[in-house]
Every structure is written in C-alpha cells, then in structure tokens.
C-alpha cells in the first residue's frame, strides 16, 4: 500500500512548482517554496475538510506560502541575482524561455500579486473561476472582474516593455 502523501506530491508537484516558478521567475526559490508548500500540506492533511478539491487546497497553500515569502526583503535581491546569473552563465535550462516568453514572464512579475495570481491560475493552470475564487478568498464575480483588469494591465505593461526594447 502506497503512502497517500507520496501520491499527492507526485500528482501535484509539477503544477505547484510551475505556479511558483511563474510567480518568482527563480527556479531555486520556486523549488524551496514548493517544498514548503508540501510540508505545510502534509502537516495539515488530517484537518483537510474537503470543502474544495485537493488541487485547489494545495494552490491555496502555495499562494499563501508565496505571499509570505514575497513580503520578505530578500525576494527582490534573489530575483535580480537569478536574472544576472542567467545572463552570465549560458547553460541549458528546461525552464528557460524564448525572448517573447521571457518578456511575458517579466510582464507577469511587474503585475501586482493578485493580478499575477489570477492570470497564472486561470490562464496558465486552467483552473475554473470557482477554483480561483476559493484560492483567493473572493467571489466568482470578483475573480472575473479582477481577471479582466489583470489582462488589461498585462497588455499595457507588455506593450510598454516591448516599446522599450
């Protein structure tokens, strides 16, 4: 009989990691936050009430872990260090993107956290409005309006960054 924690981890580790990677643009930070997310999930697994899906519950933990992390001052330094490292050491990285993808990632990073979360969860991870609402503690209407505003702000920033290059 296999351990349900291992099954949980194997099933959702990539989705959680990619959410955190797209939120931070730093592979090492995303790996640490993914690990922290699953540690927290395992510690509170017995108190999971089933009011949402396991997937939604894990994304909620991941988002809270990311928010707690991003409030620390070291976060900005780690992003800049990671970006500088990428320019100085050309090496294959499965998460490295094309120039356009990199511009998309930098645009996401410029967005306020709640806008970035809407776009990553809904457009990238293809979660339903209901799942995003549970993760963000908002109504479906608030999520829809927030996503509309997030996409609009994304386009503004993306176009501005494109004009600067």
N, C-alpha and C. Protein backbone atom coordinates (compact mmCIF):
# COMPACT_ATOMS: atom_id res chain seq x y z
N UNK A 1 0.85 -1.18 0.00
CA UNK A 1 0.00 0.00 0.00
C UNK A 1 0.89 1.24 0.00
N UNK A 2 0.62 2.16 -0.91
CA UNK A 2 1.47 3.34 -1.02
C UNK A 2 0.99 4.45 -0.09
N UNK A 3 1.91 5.31 0.24
CA UNK A 3 1.64 6.43 1.13
C UNK A 3 0.84 7.50 0.36
N UNK A 4 -0.29 7.94 0.87
CA UNK A 4 -1.09 8.96 0.16
C UNK A 4 -0.35 10.28 0.00
N UNK A 5 0.58 10.58 0.92
CA UNK A 5 1.37 11.82 0.79
C UNK A 5 2.27 11.77 -0.43
N UNK A 6 2.84 10.59 -0.70
CA UNK A 6 3.70 10.45 -1.88
C UNK A 6 2.86 10.61 -3.15
N UNK A 7 1.69 10.00 -3.17
CA UNK A 7 0.80 10.13 -4.32
C UNK A 7 0.38 11.58 -4.53
N UNK A 8 0.06 12.26 -3.45
CA UNK A 8 -0.32 13.67 -3.50
C UNK A 8 0.83 14.50 -4.08
N UNK A 9 2.02 14.28 -3.58
CA UNK A 9 3.20 15.01 -4.04
C UNK A 9 3.46 14.73 -5.52
N UNK A 10 3.46 13.47 -5.90
CA UNK A 10 3.76 13.11 -7.29
C UNK A 10 2.71 13.66 -8.26
N UNK A 11 1.46 13.70 -7.82
CA UNK A 11 0.38 14.17 -8.68
C UNK A 11 0.44 15.67 -8.91
N UNK A 12 0.78 16.45 -7.88
CA UNK A 12 0.66 17.90 -7.97
C UNK A 12 1.97 18.69 -7.92
N UNK A 13 3.09 18.03 -7.76
CA UNK A 13 4.35 18.77 -7.60
C UNK A 13 4.68 19.66 -8.79
N UNK A 14 4.46 19.18 -10.01
CA UNK A 14 4.80 19.98 -11.19
C UNK A 14 3.90 21.20 -11.32
N UNK A 15 2.61 21.03 -11.10
CA UNK A 15 1.69 22.16 -11.21
C UNK A 15 2.00 23.23 -10.17
N UNK A 16 2.27 22.81 -8.95
CA UNK A 16 2.59 23.76 -7.88
C UNK A 16 3.92 24.44 -8.17
N UNK A 17 4.91 23.66 -8.60
CA UNK A 17 6.22 24.24 -8.92
C UNK A 17 6.09 25.28 -10.03
N UNK A 18 5.37 24.95 -11.09
CA UNK A 18 5.24 25.89 -12.22
C UNK A 18 4.51 27.16 -11.81
N UNK A 19 3.50 27.02 -10.97
CA UNK A 19 2.82 28.22 -10.46
C UNK A 19 3.82 29.10 -9.70
N UNK A 20 4.59 28.49 -8.84
CA UNK A 20 5.55 29.25 -8.03
C UNK A 20 6.70 29.79 -8.88
N UNK A 21 7.13 29.02 -9.88
CA UNK A 21 8.19 29.48 -10.76
C UNK A 21 7.72 30.69 -11.56
N UNK A 22 6.51 30.63 -12.07
CA UNK A 22 5.98 31.76 -12.84
C UNK A 22 5.73 32.97 -11.95
N UNK A 23 5.53 32.74 -10.68
CA UNK A 23 5.34 33.85 -9.74
C UNK A 23 6.65 34.50 -9.34
N UNK A 24 7.73 33.72 -9.31
CA UNK A 24 9.01 34.24 -8.82
C UNK A 24 10.07 34.41 -9.90
N UNK A 25 9.96 33.67 -10.99
CA UNK A 25 10.98 33.62 -12.05
C UNK A 25 12.34 33.18 -11.52
N UNK A 26 12.33 32.41 -10.48
CA UNK A 26 13.57 31.93 -9.88
C UNK A 26 13.37 30.45 -9.56
N UNK A 27 14.11 29.60 -10.27
CA UNK A 27 13.94 28.15 -10.12
C UNK A 27 14.23 27.69 -8.70
N UNK A 28 15.29 28.22 -8.11
CA UNK A 28 15.68 27.78 -6.76
C UNK A 28 14.65 28.20 -5.72
N UNK A 29 14.16 29.42 -5.84
CA UNK A 29 13.14 29.89 -4.91
C UNK A 29 11.86 29.07 -5.10
N UNK A 30 11.49 28.82 -6.35
CA UNK A 30 10.28 28.03 -6.62
C UNK A 30 10.40 26.62 -6.05
N UNK A 31 11.59 26.03 -6.15
CA UNK A 31 11.80 24.70 -5.56
C UNK A 31 11.62 24.74 -4.06
N UNK A 32 12.20 25.75 -3.41
CA UNK A 32 12.07 25.88 -1.96
C UNK A 32 10.62 26.10 -1.55
N UNK A 33 9.93 26.98 -2.28
CA UNK A 33 8.53 27.26 -1.95
C UNK A 33 7.64 26.04 -2.20
N UNK A 34 7.96 25.27 -3.23
CA UNK A 34 7.21 24.04 -3.49
C UNK A 34 7.38 23.07 -2.33
N UNK A 35 8.62 22.93 -1.89
CA UNK A 35 8.88 22.05 -0.75
C UNK A 35 8.12 22.55 0.49
N UNK A 36 8.17 23.86 0.75
CA UNK A 36 7.46 24.42 1.90
C UNK A 36 5.96 24.18 1.78
N UNK A 37 5.43 24.31 0.58
CA UNK A 37 4.00 24.10 0.35
C UNK A 37 3.60 22.68 0.74
N UNK A 38 4.38 21.70 0.29
CA UNK A 38 4.01 20.31 0.59
C UNK A 38 4.25 19.96 2.05
N UNK A 39 5.25 20.54 2.67
CA UNK A 39 5.46 20.31 4.10
C UNK A 39 4.23 20.82 4.87
N UNK A 40 3.79 22.03 4.54
CA UNK A 40 2.60 22.60 5.20
C UNK A 40 1.36 21.74 4.92
N UNK A 41 1.24 21.29 3.68
CA UNK A 41 0.09 20.46 3.32
C UNK A 41 0.10 19.15 4.10
N UNK A 42 1.25 18.51 4.18
CA UNK A 42 1.35 17.24 4.90
C UNK A 42 1.05 17.43 6.38
N UNK A 43 1.50 18.56 6.94
CA UNK A 43 1.27 18.82 8.36
C UNK A 43 -0.22 19.03 8.66
N UNK A 44 -0.95 19.56 7.68
CA UNK A 44 -2.36 19.84 7.93
C UNK A 44 -3.32 18.94 7.14
N UNK A 45 -2.78 17.87 6.57
CA UNK A 45 -3.60 16.96 5.77
C UNK A 45 -4.76 16.38 6.58
N UNK A 46 -4.52 16.08 7.83
CA UNK A 46 -5.58 15.48 8.64
C UNK A 46 -6.73 16.45 8.91
N UNK A 47 -6.46 17.75 8.78
CA UNK A 47 -7.52 18.74 9.00
C UNK A 47 -8.19 19.20 7.71
N UNK A 48 -7.80 18.60 6.57
CA UNK A 48 -8.43 18.93 5.29
C UNK A 48 -9.89 18.52 5.35
N UNK A 49 -10.80 19.49 5.14
CA UNK A 49 -12.23 19.24 5.32
C UNK A 49 -12.94 18.83 4.04
N UNK A 50 -12.28 18.92 2.92
CA UNK A 50 -12.90 18.52 1.66
C UNK A 50 -13.90 19.52 1.11
N UNK A 51 -13.83 20.77 1.58
CA UNK A 51 -14.74 21.80 1.08
C UNK A 51 -14.38 22.22 -0.34
N UNK A 52 -13.15 21.93 -0.73
CA UNK A 52 -12.69 22.18 -2.10
C UNK A 52 -11.89 20.95 -2.52
N UNK A 53 -11.45 20.95 -3.75
CA UNK A 53 -10.64 19.82 -4.21
C UNK A 53 -9.24 19.91 -3.57
N UNK A 54 -8.56 18.79 -3.55
CA UNK A 54 -7.18 18.76 -3.05
C UNK A 54 -6.32 19.73 -3.86
N UNK A 55 -6.53 19.75 -5.18
CA UNK A 55 -5.76 20.63 -6.07
C UNK A 55 -5.93 22.09 -5.66
N UNK A 56 -7.17 22.51 -5.45
CA UNK A 56 -7.46 23.88 -5.05
C UNK A 56 -6.84 24.19 -3.69
N UNK A 57 -6.95 23.26 -2.78
CA UNK A 57 -6.39 23.40 -1.44
C UNK A 57 -4.88 23.58 -1.51
N UNK A 58 -4.20 22.79 -2.35
CA UNK A 58 -2.75 22.91 -2.50
C UNK A 58 -2.35 24.26 -3.12
N UNK A 59 -3.10 24.70 -4.12
CA UNK A 59 -2.81 26.01 -4.72
C UNK A 59 -3.00 27.13 -3.70
N UNK A 60 -3.98 26.97 -2.85
CA UNK A 60 -4.21 27.98 -1.80
C UNK A 60 -3.02 28.02 -0.85
N UNK A 61 -2.52 26.87 -0.46
CA UNK A 61 -1.34 26.80 0.41
C UNK A 61 -0.13 27.40 -0.32
N UNK A 62 0.04 27.05 -1.60
CA UNK A 62 1.16 27.57 -2.39
C UNK A 62 1.09 29.09 -2.49
N UNK A 63 -0.10 29.62 -2.73
CA UNK A 63 -0.24 31.08 -2.84
C UNK A 63 0.10 31.75 -1.51
N UNK A 64 -0.41 31.21 -0.41
CA UNK A 64 -0.10 31.79 0.89
C UNK A 64 1.40 31.70 1.20
N UNK A 65 2.01 30.60 0.83
CA UNK A 65 3.45 30.44 1.03
C UNK A 65 4.21 31.48 0.21
N UNK A 66 3.79 31.68 -1.03
CA UNK A 66 4.42 32.68 -1.89
C UNK A 66 4.24 34.09 -1.33
N UNK A 67 3.02 34.41 -0.89
CA UNK A 67 2.75 35.75 -0.35
C UNK A 67 3.62 36.00 0.88
N UNK A 68 3.71 35.01 1.76
CA UNK A 68 4.57 35.17 2.95
C UNK A 68 6.02 35.38 2.55
N UNK A 69 6.46 34.64 1.56
CA UNK A 69 7.84 34.77 1.09
C UNK A 69 8.09 36.13 0.45
N UNK A 70 7.16 36.57 -0.38
CA UNK A 70 7.38 37.80 -1.15
C UNK A 70 7.38 39.05 -0.29
N UNK A 71 6.87 38.95 0.92
CA UNK A 71 6.89 40.12 1.80
C UNK A 71 8.27 40.34 2.42
N UNK A 72 9.11 39.34 2.33
CA UNK A 72 10.47 39.49 2.86
C UNK A 72 11.31 40.28 1.87
N UNK A 73 12.25 41.06 2.38
CA UNK A 73 13.08 41.92 1.54
C UNK A 73 14.02 41.14 0.63
N UNK A 74 14.45 39.99 1.03
CA UNK A 74 15.43 39.24 0.25
C UNK A 74 14.89 38.81 -1.10
N UNK A 75 13.57 38.78 -1.27
CA UNK A 75 12.96 38.29 -2.50
C UNK A 75 13.45 39.06 -3.72
N UNK A 76 13.41 40.39 -3.67
CA UNK A 76 13.82 41.19 -4.82
C UNK A 76 15.29 40.94 -5.16
N UNK A 77 16.12 40.79 -4.16
CA UNK A 77 17.54 40.52 -4.38
C UNK A 77 17.72 39.18 -5.08
N UNK A 78 16.96 38.17 -4.68
CA UNK A 78 17.09 36.85 -5.30
C UNK A 78 16.65 36.86 -6.75
N UNK A 79 15.62 37.62 -7.08
CA UNK A 79 15.18 37.71 -8.48
C UNK A 79 16.28 38.34 -9.32
N UNK A 80 16.81 39.46 -8.86
CA UNK A 80 17.85 40.14 -9.64
C UNK A 80 19.10 39.28 -9.76
N UNK A 81 19.45 38.58 -8.70
CA UNK A 81 20.60 37.70 -8.76
C UNK A 81 20.38 36.58 -9.76
N UNK A 82 19.20 36.01 -9.76
CA UNK A 82 18.88 34.93 -10.70
C UNK A 82 18.92 35.43 -12.14
N UNK A 83 18.38 36.61 -12.39
CA UNK A 83 18.39 37.16 -13.75
C UNK A 83 19.83 37.44 -14.19
N UNK A 84 20.65 37.98 -13.30
CA UNK A 84 22.06 38.23 -13.64
C UNK A 84 22.79 36.93 -13.91
N UNK A 85 22.53 35.90 -13.11
CA UNK A 85 23.15 34.59 -13.32
C UNK A 85 22.79 34.03 -14.68
N UNK A 86 21.56 34.21 -15.10
CA UNK A 86 21.13 33.69 -16.40
C UNK A 86 21.86 34.38 -17.54
N UNK A 87 22.18 35.66 -17.38
CA UNK A 87 22.89 36.38 -18.44
C UNK A 87 24.37 36.02 -18.46
N UNK A 88 24.94 35.67 -17.32
CA UNK A 88 26.37 35.41 -17.23
C UNK A 88 26.73 33.96 -17.54
N UNK A 89 25.85 33.03 -17.26
CA UNK A 89 26.18 31.62 -17.46
C UNK A 89 25.20 30.98 -18.43
N UNK A 90 25.51 31.02 -19.71
CA UNK A 90 24.61 30.37 -20.66
C UNK A 90 24.69 28.86 -20.51
N UNK A 91 23.58 28.25 -20.14
CA UNK A 91 23.52 26.81 -20.00
C UNK A 91 22.09 26.38 -20.29
N UNK A 92 21.92 25.12 -20.58
CA UNK A 92 20.58 24.64 -20.88
C UNK A 92 19.76 24.60 -19.60
N UNK A 93 18.60 25.15 -19.67
CA UNK A 93 17.66 25.13 -18.55
C UNK A 93 16.29 24.82 -19.14
N UNK A 94 15.67 23.73 -18.68
CA UNK A 94 14.38 23.34 -19.25
C UNK A 94 13.31 24.39 -19.03
N UNK A 95 13.53 25.31 -18.11
CA UNK A 95 12.55 26.35 -17.83
C UNK A 95 12.88 27.66 -18.53
N UNK A 96 14.02 27.71 -19.21
CA UNK A 96 14.40 28.92 -19.94
C UNK A 96 13.47 29.09 -21.13
N UNK A 97 13.09 30.29 -21.38
CA UNK A 97 12.11 30.57 -22.41
C UNK A 97 12.71 31.39 -23.55
N UNK A 98 11.96 31.49 -24.61
CA UNK A 98 12.34 32.35 -25.72
C UNK A 98 12.27 33.81 -25.26
N UNK A 99 12.75 34.71 -26.10
CA UNK A 99 12.69 36.13 -25.74
C UNK A 99 11.26 36.58 -25.46
N UNK A 100 10.33 36.12 -26.30
CA UNK A 100 8.93 36.51 -26.10
C UNK A 100 8.41 35.95 -24.78
N UNK A 101 8.73 34.69 -24.49
CA UNK A 101 8.29 34.09 -23.23
C UNK A 101 8.91 34.81 -22.05
N UNK A 102 10.16 35.20 -22.19
CA UNK A 102 10.84 35.93 -21.12
C UNK A 102 10.16 37.27 -20.88
N UNK A 103 9.74 37.92 -21.97
CA UNK A 103 9.04 39.19 -21.83
C UNK A 103 7.69 38.99 -21.14
N UNK A 104 7.03 37.88 -21.45
CA UNK A 104 5.76 37.56 -20.78
C UNK A 104 6.01 37.36 -19.28
N UNK A 105 7.08 36.64 -18.95
CA UNK A 105 7.39 36.39 -17.54
C UNK A 105 7.74 37.69 -16.82
N UNK A 106 8.51 38.56 -17.46
CA UNK A 106 8.85 39.84 -16.84
C UNK A 106 7.61 40.72 -16.67
N UNK A 107 6.70 40.64 -17.64
CA UNK A 107 5.44 41.37 -17.53
C UNK A 107 4.64 40.86 -16.34
N UNK A 108 4.56 39.54 -16.20
CA UNK A 108 3.85 38.97 -15.05
C UNK A 108 4.46 39.45 -13.74
N UNK A 109 5.76 39.54 -13.70
CA UNK A 109 6.45 39.96 -12.49
C UNK A 109 6.15 41.42 -12.14
N UNK A 110 5.84 42.23 -13.15
CA UNK A 110 5.51 43.64 -12.93
C UNK A 110 4.09 43.83 -12.39
N UNK A 111 3.25 42.84 -12.59
CA UNK A 111 1.86 42.95 -12.14
C UNK A 111 1.77 42.86 -10.62
N UNK A 112 0.75 43.48 -10.04
CA UNK A 112 0.50 43.26 -8.61
C UNK A 112 0.24 41.76 -8.38
N UNK A 113 0.52 41.29 -7.19
CA UNK A 113 0.43 39.86 -6.89
C UNK A 113 -0.93 39.28 -7.22
N UNK A 114 -2.01 39.99 -6.88
CA UNK A 114 -3.34 39.42 -7.12
C UNK A 114 -3.62 39.30 -8.62
N UNK A 115 -3.19 40.24 -9.44
CA UNK A 115 -3.36 40.15 -10.88
C UNK A 115 -2.56 38.98 -11.44
N UNK A 116 -1.32 38.87 -10.99
CA UNK A 116 -0.45 37.77 -11.44
C UNK A 116 -1.09 36.43 -11.08
N UNK A 117 -1.64 36.33 -9.90
CA UNK A 117 -2.27 35.10 -9.45
C UNK A 117 -3.47 34.75 -10.33
N UNK A 118 -4.32 35.73 -10.63
CA UNK A 118 -5.47 35.48 -11.50
C UNK A 118 -5.02 34.89 -12.83
N UNK A 119 -4.04 35.53 -13.45
CA UNK A 119 -3.60 35.10 -14.78
C UNK A 119 -2.95 33.72 -14.73
N UNK A 120 -2.09 33.50 -13.77
CA UNK A 120 -1.40 32.21 -13.69
C UNK A 120 -2.38 31.07 -13.39
N UNK A 121 -3.26 31.30 -12.44
CA UNK A 121 -4.19 30.22 -12.07
C UNK A 121 -5.23 29.97 -13.16
N UNK A 122 -5.79 31.03 -13.73
CA UNK A 122 -6.88 30.85 -14.71
C UNK A 122 -6.35 30.56 -16.11
N UNK A 123 -5.42 31.38 -16.60
CA UNK A 123 -4.98 31.26 -17.99
C UNK A 123 -3.88 30.23 -18.18
N UNK A 124 -2.99 30.10 -17.22
CA UNK A 124 -1.88 29.16 -17.37
C UNK A 124 -2.26 27.78 -16.83
N UNK A 125 -2.77 27.74 -15.61
CA UNK A 125 -3.11 26.45 -14.99
C UNK A 125 -4.52 25.99 -15.33
N UNK A 126 -5.28 26.83 -16.02
CA UNK A 126 -6.62 26.50 -16.49
C UNK A 126 -7.56 26.05 -15.37
N UNK A 127 -7.44 26.70 -14.21
CA UNK A 127 -8.38 26.44 -13.14
C UNK A 127 -9.69 27.15 -13.45
N UNK A 128 -10.78 26.66 -12.90
CA UNK A 128 -12.07 27.29 -13.11
C UNK A 128 -12.15 28.58 -12.29
N UNK A 129 -13.15 29.41 -12.63
CA UNK A 129 -13.37 30.63 -11.85
C UNK A 129 -13.66 30.27 -10.39
N UNK A 130 -14.40 29.18 -10.21
CA UNK A 130 -14.75 28.74 -8.86
C UNK A 130 -13.50 28.37 -8.06
N UNK A 131 -12.58 27.65 -8.70
CA UNK A 131 -11.35 27.26 -8.01
C UNK A 131 -10.50 28.48 -7.68
N UNK A 132 -10.40 29.41 -8.61
CA UNK A 132 -9.62 30.64 -8.35
C UNK A 132 -10.26 31.42 -7.21
N UNK A 133 -11.60 31.46 -7.17
CA UNK A 133 -12.30 32.17 -6.10
C UNK A 133 -11.98 31.56 -4.73
N UNK A 134 -11.94 30.24 -4.66
CA UNK A 134 -11.62 29.58 -3.39
C UNK A 134 -10.19 29.90 -2.98
N UNK A 135 -9.26 29.84 -3.92
CA UNK A 135 -7.84 30.08 -3.62
C UNK A 135 -7.62 31.51 -3.15
N UNK A 136 -8.31 32.47 -3.77
CA UNK A 136 -8.09 33.88 -3.46
C UNK A 136 -9.04 34.43 -2.41
N UNK A 137 -9.97 33.60 -1.91
CA UNK A 137 -10.96 34.02 -0.91
C UNK A 137 -11.84 35.14 -1.45
N UNK A 138 -12.28 35.02 -2.69
CA UNK A 138 -13.11 36.04 -3.32
C UNK A 138 -14.34 35.38 -3.94
N UNK A 139 -15.28 36.22 -4.36
CA UNK A 139 -16.44 35.70 -5.07
C UNK A 139 -16.05 35.47 -6.54
N UNK A 140 -16.87 34.70 -7.23
CA UNK A 140 -16.62 34.45 -8.65
C UNK A 140 -16.67 35.76 -9.42
N UNK A 141 -17.59 36.63 -9.07
CA UNK A 141 -17.69 37.94 -9.72
C UNK A 141 -16.42 38.76 -9.53
N UNK A 142 -15.88 38.76 -8.31
CA UNK A 142 -14.63 39.49 -8.06
C UNK A 142 -13.49 38.91 -8.88
N UNK A 143 -13.46 37.59 -9.02
CA UNK A 143 -12.41 36.96 -9.80
C UNK A 143 -12.53 37.36 -11.27
N UNK A 144 -13.75 37.34 -11.80
CA UNK A 144 -13.95 37.70 -13.21
C UNK A 144 -13.54 39.15 -13.48
N UNK A 145 -13.94 40.05 -12.60
CA UNK A 145 -13.56 41.46 -12.76
C UNK A 145 -12.05 41.61 -12.59
N UNK A 146 -11.50 40.95 -11.58
CA UNK A 146 -10.06 41.01 -11.34
C UNK A 146 -9.27 40.46 -12.51
N UNK A 147 -9.74 39.38 -13.10
CA UNK A 147 -9.05 38.79 -14.24
C UNK A 147 -9.12 39.72 -15.45
N UNK A 148 -10.26 40.35 -15.66
CA UNK A 148 -10.39 41.32 -16.75
C UNK A 148 -9.38 42.45 -16.57
N UNK A 149 -9.31 42.99 -15.36
CA UNK A 149 -8.37 44.09 -15.07
C UNK A 149 -6.93 43.62 -15.17
N UNK A 150 -6.68 42.40 -14.73
CA UNK A 150 -5.32 41.85 -14.79
C UNK A 150 -4.86 41.71 -16.24
N UNK A 151 -5.73 41.19 -17.09
CA UNK A 151 -5.37 41.03 -18.50
C UNK A 151 -5.14 42.39 -19.16
N UNK A 152 -5.97 43.37 -18.82
CA UNK A 152 -5.81 44.72 -19.36
C UNK A 152 -4.47 45.32 -18.92
N UNK A 153 -4.15 45.19 -17.65
CA UNK A 153 -2.89 45.71 -17.12
C UNK A 153 -1.71 44.96 -17.73
N UNK A 154 -1.87 43.66 -17.91
CA UNK A 154 -0.83 42.85 -18.54
C UNK A 154 -0.50 43.39 -19.92
N UNK A 155 -1.54 43.65 -20.72
CA UNK A 155 -1.33 44.16 -22.09
C UNK A 155 -0.60 45.51 -22.06
N UNK A 156 -0.98 46.38 -21.12
CA UNK A 156 -0.33 47.69 -21.01
C UNK A 156 1.16 47.53 -20.71
N UNK A 157 1.48 46.71 -19.74
CA UNK A 157 2.88 46.51 -19.34
C UNK A 157 3.66 45.82 -20.45
N UNK A 158 3.06 44.82 -21.06
CA UNK A 158 3.71 44.07 -22.14
C UNK A 158 4.06 45.00 -23.30
N UNK A 159 3.09 45.84 -23.69
CA UNK A 159 3.33 46.79 -24.78
C UNK A 159 4.40 47.81 -24.41
N UNK A 160 4.40 48.24 -23.17
CA UNK A 160 5.41 49.21 -22.69
C UNK A 160 6.80 48.57 -22.73
N UNK A 161 6.91 47.34 -22.25
CA UNK A 161 8.20 46.66 -22.27
C UNK A 161 8.67 46.40 -23.71
N UNK A 162 7.74 46.08 -24.59
CA UNK A 162 8.07 45.85 -25.99
C UNK A 162 8.58 47.11 -26.66
N UNK A 163 8.01 48.26 -26.28
CA UNK A 163 8.42 49.53 -26.86
C UNK A 163 9.81 49.95 -26.38
N UNK A 164 10.18 49.51 -25.16
CA UNK A 164 11.49 49.87 -24.60
C UNK A 164 12.63 49.11 -25.22
N UNK A 165 12.34 47.94 -25.79
CA UNK A 165 13.42 47.12 -26.35
C UNK A 165 13.83 47.56 -27.71
